[in-house]
Amino acid sequence: MGAGDAVRLVLGRYAVFDGRARRAEFWWFALVQGVVVTVPLTIGWTLVLAGLLVGASAGGPGWVLAAAGAYLLVVGGACAAALLVPSYAVAARRLHDTDRSALWLLLVLAPYASWILYWFWAEDGRPGPNRFGPDPQGRAPVPWLPPPAHPPWLPPRPSPPWSVLRP
């Protein structure tokens, strides 16, 4: 899967938070998103600062640079806003591929704890189907593979409600 395929796949599933996403899909989209957002913002801030240094007074030549920079800042901000929902959606699907809930995305609210997400996103997905859907790579399940480790600081996972219905 290349960058174009990953972007088409992610934007085709714009706000779909269920299912699973491969590593390639997630990381290619993250790379393209980083370039699409960072390049206009960097050039925009550079032009704004250059315009201020040259002199953006009412008739000075710096206002052209500052106006062009402000335009690029708006473009970069619009790209970031437009890609916010699909980036969270593919992040949730990537966590699902590692058999983790999308609630782990709440770690972005805690400083320094969000690095745990990078570890999870870099992990290989669970082979075979899991509770979030079939394996996107079509691999067969590995019976000897243990479930992902449950963090010791969290309470134990409750049994699913349908498990009491089975004899």
N, C-alpha and C. Protein backbone atom coordinates (compact mmCIF):
# COMPACT_ATOMS: atom_id res chain seq x y z
N MET A 1 0.85 -1.16 0.00
CA MET A 1 0.00 0.00 0.00
C MET A 1 0.90 1.24 0.00
N GLY A 2 0.61 2.15 -0.90
CA GLY A 2 1.38 3.37 -1.00
C GLY A 2 0.65 4.53 -0.35
N ALA A 3 1.25 5.71 -0.45
CA ALA A 3 0.67 6.90 0.17
C ALA A 3 -0.67 7.25 -0.45
N GLY A 4 -0.77 7.20 -1.76
CA GLY A 4 -2.03 7.53 -2.43
C GLY A 4 -3.15 6.59 -2.05
N ASP A 5 -2.83 5.30 -2.01
CA ASP A 5 -3.85 4.31 -1.62
C ASP A 5 -4.31 4.54 -0.19
N ALA A 6 -3.37 4.83 0.69
CA ALA A 6 -3.72 5.04 2.10
C ALA A 6 -4.61 6.28 2.26
N VAL A 7 -4.27 7.36 1.57
CA VAL A 7 -5.07 8.59 1.69
C VAL A 7 -6.47 8.36 1.13
N ARG A 8 -6.57 7.69 -0.02
CA ARG A 8 -7.89 7.39 -0.60
C ARG A 8 -8.70 6.51 0.34
N LEU A 9 -8.07 5.53 0.95
CA LEU A 9 -8.77 4.63 1.86
C LEU A 9 -9.25 5.36 3.11
N VAL A 10 -8.39 6.18 3.69
CA VAL A 10 -8.76 6.90 4.92
C VAL A 10 -9.84 7.93 4.63
N LEU A 11 -9.68 8.71 3.56
CA LEU A 11 -10.68 9.73 3.26
C LEU A 11 -11.98 9.10 2.76
N GLY A 12 -11.91 7.90 2.19
CA GLY A 12 -13.12 7.19 1.82
C GLY A 12 -13.91 6.71 3.03
N ARG A 13 -13.21 6.51 4.12
CA ARG A 13 -13.86 6.13 5.40
C ARG A 13 -13.71 7.30 6.36
N TYR A 14 -14.17 8.47 5.94
CA TYR A 14 -13.91 9.75 6.59
C TYR A 14 -14.19 9.72 8.09
N ALA A 15 -15.36 9.31 8.50
CA ALA A 15 -15.73 9.33 9.92
C ALA A 15 -16.13 7.95 10.40
N VAL A 16 -15.50 6.91 9.88
CA VAL A 16 -15.80 5.54 10.29
C VAL A 16 -14.81 5.15 11.39
N PHE A 17 -15.34 4.96 12.59
CA PHE A 17 -14.49 4.66 13.73
C PHE A 17 -14.49 3.18 14.08
N ASP A 18 -15.26 2.37 13.36
CA ASP A 18 -15.26 0.94 13.64
C ASP A 18 -14.47 0.21 12.56
N GLY A 19 -14.05 -0.99 12.87
CA GLY A 19 -13.22 -1.76 11.96
C GLY A 19 -11.75 -1.65 12.35
N ARG A 20 -10.89 -2.06 11.44
CA ARG A 20 -9.45 -2.13 11.72
C ARG A 20 -8.68 -1.46 10.60
N ALA A 21 -7.50 -0.94 10.92
CA ALA A 21 -6.64 -0.29 9.93
C ALA A 21 -5.23 -0.87 10.04
N ARG A 22 -4.62 -1.13 8.89
CA ARG A 22 -3.26 -1.65 8.86
C ARG A 22 -2.27 -0.56 9.25
N ARG A 23 -1.06 -0.98 9.60
CA ARG A 23 -0.01 -0.02 9.93
C ARG A 23 0.30 0.88 8.75
N ALA A 24 0.40 0.30 7.57
CA ALA A 24 0.75 1.09 6.39
C ALA A 24 -0.29 2.18 6.14
N GLU A 25 -1.56 1.82 6.29
CA GLU A 25 -2.63 2.81 6.09
C GLU A 25 -2.48 3.96 7.07
N PHE A 26 -2.25 3.63 8.33
CA PHE A 26 -2.13 4.67 9.35
C PHE A 26 -0.90 5.53 9.13
N TRP A 27 0.27 4.96 8.96
CA TRP A 27 1.50 5.73 8.90
C TRP A 27 1.63 6.53 7.60
N TRP A 28 1.17 5.97 6.47
CA TRP A 28 1.20 6.75 5.23
C TRP A 28 0.28 7.96 5.35
N PHE A 29 -0.91 7.77 5.92
CA PHE A 29 -1.81 8.91 6.09
C PHE A 29 -1.22 9.94 7.04
N ALA A 30 -0.58 9.48 8.11
CA ALA A 30 0.04 10.41 9.06
C ALA A 30 1.14 11.23 8.38
N LEU A 31 1.94 10.59 7.52
CA LEU A 31 2.99 11.29 6.81
C LEU A 31 2.42 12.33 5.85
N VAL A 32 1.43 11.93 5.06
CA VAL A 32 0.83 12.88 4.11
C VAL A 32 0.15 14.02 4.85
N GLN A 33 -0.55 13.70 5.92
CA GLN A 33 -1.21 14.75 6.71
C GLN A 33 -0.18 15.71 7.29
N GLY A 34 0.92 15.18 7.79
CA GLY A 34 1.96 16.05 8.34
C GLY A 34 2.53 16.99 7.29
N VAL A 35 2.75 16.50 6.09
CA VAL A 35 3.29 17.35 5.02
C VAL A 35 2.25 18.39 4.59
N VAL A 36 1.01 17.95 4.39
CA VAL A 36 -0.04 18.85 3.90
C VAL A 36 -0.32 19.97 4.90
N VAL A 37 -0.19 19.70 6.18
CA VAL A 37 -0.46 20.72 7.19
C VAL A 37 0.79 21.52 7.53
N THR A 38 1.92 20.87 7.67
CA THR A 38 3.13 21.54 8.13
C THR A 38 3.74 22.48 7.09
N VAL A 39 3.76 22.08 5.83
CA VAL A 39 4.40 22.90 4.81
C VAL A 39 3.74 24.27 4.68
N PRO A 40 2.40 24.38 4.50
CA PRO A 40 1.83 25.72 4.41
C PRO A 40 1.99 26.54 5.69
N LEU A 41 1.90 25.88 6.85
CA LEU A 41 2.06 26.62 8.10
C LEU A 41 3.49 27.15 8.26
N THR A 42 4.47 26.34 7.91
CA THR A 42 5.87 26.78 8.03
C THR A 42 6.17 27.92 7.07
N ILE A 43 5.75 27.77 5.81
CA ILE A 43 6.00 28.84 4.84
C ILE A 43 5.21 30.08 5.22
N GLY A 44 3.99 29.90 5.71
CA GLY A 44 3.17 31.05 6.12
C GLY A 44 3.80 31.84 7.24
N TRP A 45 4.25 31.15 8.29
CA TRP A 45 4.90 31.86 9.40
C TRP A 45 6.19 32.52 8.96
N THR A 46 6.92 31.88 8.06
CA THR A 46 8.16 32.48 7.55
C THR A 46 7.86 33.76 6.79
N LEU A 47 6.83 33.75 5.96
CA LEU A 47 6.47 34.95 5.21
C LEU A 47 5.94 36.06 6.11
N VAL A 48 5.16 35.70 7.11
CA VAL A 48 4.66 36.72 8.04
C VAL A 48 5.82 37.37 8.78
N LEU A 49 6.75 36.55 9.29
CA LEU A 49 7.89 37.12 10.01
C LEU A 49 8.79 37.93 9.07
N ALA A 50 8.97 37.47 7.84
CA ALA A 50 9.76 38.25 6.88
C ALA A 50 9.07 39.56 6.57
N GLY A 51 7.78 39.56 6.44
CA GLY A 51 7.04 40.80 6.20
C GLY A 51 7.17 41.77 7.36
N LEU A 52 7.16 41.24 8.58
CA LEU A 52 7.33 42.11 9.74
C LEU A 52 8.75 42.67 9.82
N LEU A 53 9.73 41.86 9.44
CA LEU A 53 11.11 42.34 9.46
C LEU A 53 11.37 43.38 8.38
N VAL A 54 10.78 43.18 7.22
CA VAL A 54 10.96 44.14 6.13
C VAL A 54 10.22 45.44 6.45
N GLY A 55 9.12 45.31 7.11
CA GLY A 55 8.33 46.47 7.48
C GLY A 55 6.98 46.42 6.82
N ALA A 56 5.99 46.04 7.57
CA ALA A 56 4.65 45.90 7.02
C ALA A 56 3.84 47.15 7.31
N SER A 57 4.45 48.30 7.15
CA SER A 57 3.72 49.55 7.39
C SER A 57 2.72 49.76 6.26
N ALA A 58 1.96 50.80 6.36
CA ALA A 58 0.84 51.02 5.44
C ALA A 58 1.27 51.12 3.99
N GLY A 59 2.45 51.43 3.67
CA GLY A 59 2.85 51.51 2.27
C GLY A 59 4.12 50.74 1.98
N GLY A 60 4.65 50.09 2.99
CA GLY A 60 5.91 49.38 2.84
C GLY A 60 5.76 48.08 2.08
N PRO A 61 6.86 47.54 1.60
CA PRO A 61 6.79 46.32 0.80
C PRO A 61 6.52 45.06 1.62
N GLY A 62 6.61 45.13 2.93
CA GLY A 62 6.46 43.94 3.76
C GLY A 62 5.03 43.45 3.87
N TRP A 63 4.06 44.31 3.56
CA TRP A 63 2.67 43.88 3.71
C TRP A 63 2.31 42.78 2.72
N VAL A 64 2.97 42.74 1.56
CA VAL A 64 2.70 41.69 0.59
C VAL A 64 3.14 40.34 1.14
N LEU A 65 4.33 40.31 1.74
CA LEU A 65 4.81 39.07 2.35
C LEU A 65 3.90 38.64 3.50
N ALA A 66 3.51 39.60 4.34
CA ALA A 66 2.67 39.28 5.49
C ALA A 66 1.30 38.79 5.04
N ALA A 67 0.75 39.38 3.99
CA ALA A 67 -0.57 38.95 3.49
C ALA A 67 -0.49 37.55 2.88
N ALA A 68 0.57 37.28 2.13
CA ALA A 68 0.75 35.94 1.56
C ALA A 68 0.93 34.91 2.67
N GLY A 69 1.68 35.27 3.69
CA GLY A 69 1.87 34.37 4.82
C GLY A 69 0.57 34.11 5.56
N ALA A 70 -0.22 35.17 5.75
CA ALA A 70 -1.51 34.99 6.43
C ALA A 70 -2.42 34.08 5.62
N TYR A 71 -2.39 34.21 4.30
CA TYR A 71 -3.19 33.33 3.44
C TYR A 71 -2.75 31.87 3.61
N LEU A 72 -1.45 31.63 3.63
CA LEU A 72 -0.97 30.26 3.81
C LEU A 72 -1.30 29.72 5.20
N LEU A 73 -1.31 30.58 6.20
CA LEU A 73 -1.70 30.14 7.54
C LEU A 73 -3.16 29.70 7.56
N VAL A 74 -4.01 30.43 6.84
CA VAL A 74 -5.43 30.05 6.76
C VAL A 74 -5.57 28.73 6.01
N VAL A 75 -4.80 28.55 4.91
CA VAL A 75 -4.87 27.30 4.16
C VAL A 75 -4.40 26.13 5.02
N GLY A 76 -3.29 26.29 5.73
CA GLY A 76 -2.80 25.23 6.59
C GLY A 76 -3.76 24.90 7.72
N GLY A 77 -4.37 25.93 8.30
CA GLY A 77 -5.36 25.70 9.36
C GLY A 77 -6.60 25.00 8.84
N ALA A 78 -7.03 25.36 7.63
CA ALA A 78 -8.19 24.70 7.03
C ALA A 78 -7.89 23.23 6.73
N CYS A 79 -6.67 22.96 6.25
CA CYS A 79 -6.28 21.56 5.99
C CYS A 79 -6.26 20.77 7.30
N ALA A 80 -5.72 21.37 8.35
CA ALA A 80 -5.67 20.68 9.65
C ALA A 80 -7.07 20.40 10.16
N ALA A 81 -7.97 21.37 10.02
CA ALA A 81 -9.34 21.17 10.48
C ALA A 81 -10.06 20.10 9.67
N ALA A 82 -9.83 20.09 8.35
CA ALA A 82 -10.50 19.12 7.49
C ALA A 82 -10.00 17.71 7.74
N LEU A 83 -8.76 17.56 8.14
CA LEU A 83 -8.18 16.23 8.35
C LEU A 83 -8.27 15.76 9.80
N LEU A 84 -8.89 16.54 10.67
CA LEU A 84 -8.96 16.17 12.08
C LEU A 84 -9.81 14.92 12.31
N VAL A 85 -11.00 14.89 11.75
CA VAL A 85 -11.89 13.74 11.96
C VAL A 85 -11.31 12.46 11.35
N PRO A 86 -10.83 12.48 10.07
CA PRO A 86 -10.27 11.22 9.56
C PRO A 86 -9.01 10.78 10.28
N SER A 87 -8.24 11.71 10.84
CA SER A 87 -7.04 11.28 11.56
C SER A 87 -7.41 10.57 12.86
N TYR A 88 -8.43 11.06 13.56
CA TYR A 88 -8.88 10.35 14.76
C TYR A 88 -9.54 9.03 14.40
N ALA A 89 -10.25 8.98 13.27
CA ALA A 89 -10.91 7.74 12.86
C ALA A 89 -9.87 6.67 12.54
N VAL A 90 -8.84 7.02 11.77
CA VAL A 90 -7.83 6.01 11.43
C VAL A 90 -7.01 5.64 12.66
N ALA A 91 -6.82 6.57 13.59
CA ALA A 91 -6.12 6.24 14.84
C ALA A 91 -6.93 5.24 15.66
N ALA A 92 -8.24 5.43 15.70
CA ALA A 92 -9.10 4.49 16.44
C ALA A 92 -9.08 3.11 15.77
N ARG A 93 -9.15 3.09 14.44
CA ARG A 93 -9.13 1.80 13.73
C ARG A 93 -7.78 1.11 13.90
N ARG A 94 -6.70 1.90 13.99
CA ARG A 94 -5.37 1.30 14.20
C ARG A 94 -5.30 0.66 15.58
N LEU A 95 -5.87 1.33 16.59
CA LEU A 95 -5.91 0.73 17.93
C LEU A 95 -6.77 -0.54 17.92
N HIS A 96 -7.85 -0.53 17.14
CA HIS A 96 -8.69 -1.73 17.04
C HIS A 96 -7.90 -2.89 16.44
N ASP A 97 -6.99 -2.59 15.51
CA ASP A 97 -6.20 -3.66 14.90
C ASP A 97 -5.29 -4.32 15.92
N THR A 98 -4.87 -3.57 16.94
CA THR A 98 -4.05 -4.16 18.00
C THR A 98 -4.90 -4.68 19.15
N ASP A 99 -6.22 -4.79 18.92
CA ASP A 99 -7.19 -5.31 19.89
C ASP A 99 -7.30 -4.42 21.13
N ARG A 100 -7.28 -3.11 20.89
CA ARG A 100 -7.45 -2.14 21.98
C ARG A 100 -8.62 -1.22 21.65
N SER A 101 -9.25 -0.73 22.68
CA SER A 101 -10.38 0.17 22.51
C SER A 101 -9.90 1.55 22.05
N ALA A 102 -10.77 2.28 21.37
CA ALA A 102 -10.44 3.63 20.94
C ALA A 102 -10.40 4.60 22.12
N LEU A 103 -10.84 4.16 23.28
CA LEU A 103 -10.76 5.02 24.47
C LEU A 103 -9.31 5.34 24.84
N TRP A 104 -8.37 4.54 24.34
CA TRP A 104 -6.96 4.83 24.57
C TRP A 104 -6.58 6.17 23.95
N LEU A 105 -7.36 6.67 22.99
CA LEU A 105 -7.07 7.97 22.39
C LEU A 105 -7.18 9.11 23.40
N LEU A 106 -7.83 8.86 24.52
CA LEU A 106 -7.91 9.89 25.56
C LEU A 106 -6.55 10.22 26.15
N LEU A 107 -5.55 9.38 25.89
CA LEU A 107 -4.20 9.66 26.38
C LEU A 107 -3.61 10.93 25.77
N VAL A 108 -4.16 11.39 24.65
CA VAL A 108 -3.64 12.63 24.07
C VAL A 108 -3.91 13.82 24.98
N LEU A 109 -4.83 13.66 25.92
CA LEU A 109 -5.12 14.74 26.86
C LEU A 109 -4.10 14.82 28.00
N ALA A 110 -3.35 13.76 28.21
CA ALA A 110 -2.37 13.72 29.29
C ALA A 110 -0.97 13.98 28.72
N PRO A 111 -0.28 14.98 29.25
CA PRO A 111 1.06 15.23 28.74
C PRO A 111 1.98 14.04 29.01
N TYR A 112 2.82 13.75 28.06
CA TYR A 112 3.82 12.68 28.11
C TYR A 112 3.21 11.28 28.03
N ALA A 113 1.96 11.10 28.38
CA ALA A 113 1.36 9.77 28.33
C ALA A 113 0.97 9.39 26.90
N SER A 114 0.85 10.39 26.04
CA SER A 114 0.44 10.09 24.67
C SER A 114 1.51 9.31 23.90
N TRP A 115 2.73 9.25 24.42
CA TRP A 115 3.76 8.45 23.76
C TRP A 115 3.43 6.97 23.76
N ILE A 116 2.60 6.55 24.69
CA ILE A 116 2.15 5.16 24.73
C ILE A 116 1.40 4.82 23.44
N LEU A 117 0.65 5.81 22.93
CA LEU A 117 -0.10 5.57 21.69
C LEU A 117 0.83 5.26 20.53
N TYR A 118 1.98 5.92 20.45
CA TYR A 118 2.91 5.64 19.37
C TYR A 118 3.40 4.19 19.45
N TRP A 119 3.56 3.69 20.63
CA TRP A 119 3.95 2.29 20.79
C TRP A 119 2.85 1.38 20.26
N PHE A 120 1.61 1.68 20.64
CA PHE A 120 0.49 0.85 20.19
C PHE A 120 0.33 0.92 18.67
N TRP A 121 0.46 2.11 18.10
CA TRP A 121 0.29 2.28 16.66
C TRP A 121 1.40 1.58 15.88
N ALA A 122 2.57 1.46 16.48
CA ALA A 122 3.69 0.81 15.79
C ALA A 122 3.63 -0.71 15.89
N GLU A 123 2.85 -1.24 16.82
CA GLU A 123 2.73 -2.69 16.98
C GLU A 123 2.06 -3.32 15.77
N ASP A 124 2.41 -4.58 15.55
CA ASP A 124 1.73 -5.34 14.51
C ASP A 124 0.32 -5.65 14.99
N GLY A 125 -0.62 -5.70 14.07
CA GLY A 125 -2.00 -6.01 14.43
C GLY A 125 -2.15 -7.46 14.85
N ARG A 126 -3.22 -7.73 15.56
CA ARG A 126 -3.52 -9.10 15.98
C ARG A 126 -3.91 -9.92 14.77
N PRO A 127 -3.25 -11.06 14.53
CA PRO A 127 -3.63 -11.88 13.38
C PRO A 127 -5.01 -12.51 13.58
N GLY A 128 -5.75 -12.59 12.49
CA GLY A 128 -7.08 -13.17 12.56
C GLY A 128 -8.10 -12.15 13.03
N PRO A 129 -9.35 -12.56 13.04
CA PRO A 129 -10.40 -11.63 13.48
C PRO A 129 -10.30 -11.37 14.99
N ASN A 130 -10.71 -10.20 15.39
CA ASN A 130 -10.82 -9.89 16.81
C ASN A 130 -12.19 -9.24 17.05
N ARG A 131 -12.40 -8.67 18.21
CA ARG A 131 -13.72 -8.15 18.55
C ARG A 131 -14.11 -6.93 17.72
N PHE A 132 -13.16 -6.37 16.95
CA PHE A 132 -13.43 -5.18 16.15
C PHE A 132 -13.61 -5.50 14.67
N GLY A 133 -13.42 -6.75 14.28
CA GLY A 133 -13.65 -7.11 12.89
C GLY A 133 -12.58 -8.05 12.36
N PRO A 134 -12.67 -8.33 11.06
CA PRO A 134 -11.70 -9.25 10.45
C PRO A 134 -10.35 -8.58 10.29
N ASP A 135 -9.34 -9.40 10.14
CA ASP A 135 -7.98 -8.92 9.95
C ASP A 135 -7.88 -8.24 8.59
N PRO A 136 -7.41 -6.97 8.53
CA PRO A 136 -7.32 -6.30 7.24
C PRO A 136 -6.28 -6.93 6.31
N GLN A 137 -5.36 -7.71 6.86
CA GLN A 137 -4.37 -8.38 6.03
C GLN A 137 -4.80 -9.80 5.66
N GLY A 138 -5.92 -10.25 6.22
CA GLY A 138 -6.43 -11.57 5.90
C GLY A 138 -5.64 -12.71 6.50
N ARG A 139 -4.93 -12.49 7.59
CA ARG A 139 -4.12 -13.54 8.21
C ARG A 139 -4.99 -14.44 9.08
N ALA A 140 -4.56 -15.66 9.26
CA ALA A 140 -5.26 -16.60 10.12
C ALA A 140 -4.88 -16.33 11.57
N PRO A 141 -5.78 -16.60 12.50
CA PRO A 141 -5.45 -16.37 13.91
C PRO A 141 -4.35 -17.32 14.39
N VAL A 142 -3.60 -16.85 15.36
CA VAL A 142 -2.53 -17.65 15.96
C VAL A 142 -3.03 -18.06 17.35
N PRO A 143 -3.30 -19.35 17.57
CA PRO A 143 -3.92 -19.76 18.84
C PRO A 143 -3.02 -19.57 20.05
N TRP A 144 -1.72 -19.62 19.90
CA TRP A 144 -0.84 -19.52 21.06
C TRP A 144 -0.50 -18.08 21.41
N LEU A 145 -0.97 -17.12 20.63
CA LEU A 145 -0.65 -15.71 20.89
C LEU A 145 -1.50 -15.21 22.06
N PRO A 146 -0.87 -14.73 23.13
CA PRO A 146 -1.65 -14.27 24.28
C PRO A 146 -2.36 -12.96 23.95
N PRO A 147 -3.43 -12.66 24.68
CA PRO A 147 -4.09 -11.37 24.47
C PRO A 147 -3.17 -10.23 24.88
N PRO A 148 -3.44 -9.03 24.39
CA PRO A 148 -2.57 -7.91 24.77
C PRO A 148 -2.59 -7.69 26.27
N ALA A 149 -1.48 -7.25 26.80
CA ALA A 149 -1.34 -7.05 28.24
C ALA A 149 -2.30 -5.96 28.70
N HIS A 150 -2.94 -6.22 29.82
CA HIS A 150 -3.84 -5.23 30.41
C HIS A 150 -3.03 -4.41 31.41
N PRO A 151 -3.05 -3.09 31.31
CA PRO A 151 -2.25 -2.28 32.23
C PRO A 151 -2.62 -2.54 33.68
N PRO A 152 -1.65 -2.70 34.55
CA PRO A 152 -1.95 -3.06 35.94
C PRO A 152 -2.66 -1.96 36.71
N TRP A 153 -2.59 -0.70 36.23
CA TRP A 153 -3.21 0.38 36.98
C TRP A 153 -4.70 0.50 36.67
N LEU A 154 -5.21 -0.25 35.68
CA LEU A 154 -6.63 -0.22 35.37
C LEU A 154 -7.34 -1.37 36.07
N PRO A 155 -8.62 -1.20 36.36
CA PRO A 155 -9.36 -2.32 36.97
C PRO A 155 -9.48 -3.46 35.96
N PRO A 156 -9.73 -4.68 36.42
CA PRO A 156 -9.83 -5.80 35.50
C PRO A 156 -10.97 -5.60 34.52
N ARG A 157 -10.79 -6.17 33.34
CA ARG A 157 -11.82 -6.05 32.32
C ARG A 157 -13.05 -6.83 32.73
N PRO A 158 -14.23 -6.20 32.60
CA PRO A 158 -15.45 -6.96 32.93
C PRO A 158 -15.74 -7.97 31.83
N SER A 159 -16.40 -9.05 32.21
CA SER A 159 -16.78 -10.02 31.19
C SER A 159 -17.91 -9.42 30.36
N PRO A 160 -17.96 -9.74 29.09
CA PRO A 160 -19.01 -9.18 28.25
C PRO A 160 -20.38 -9.65 28.72
N PRO A 161 -21.40 -8.82 28.54
CA PRO A 161 -22.72 -9.17 29.07
C PRO A 161 -23.30 -10.42 28.44
N TRP A 162 -22.92 -10.76 27.21
CA TRP A 162 -23.48 -11.95 26.58
C TRP A 162 -22.84 -13.23 27.09
N SER A 163 -21.75 -13.13 27.87
CA SER A 163 -21.11 -14.35 28.37
C SER A 163 -21.96 -15.03 29.44
N VAL A 164 -22.82 -14.29 30.11
CA VAL A 164 -23.69 -14.91 31.12
C VAL A 164 -24.84 -15.66 30.46
N LEU A 165 -25.11 -15.35 29.19
CA LEU A 165 -26.19 -16.01 28.51
C LEU A 165 -25.80 -17.37 27.96
N ARG A 166 -24.52 -17.60 27.80
CA ARG A 166 -24.05 -18.87 27.27
C ARG A 166 -23.93 -19.90 28.38
N PRO A 167 -24.34 -21.14 28.12
CA PRO A 167 -24.23 -22.18 29.17
C PRO A 167 -22.80 -22.61 29.39
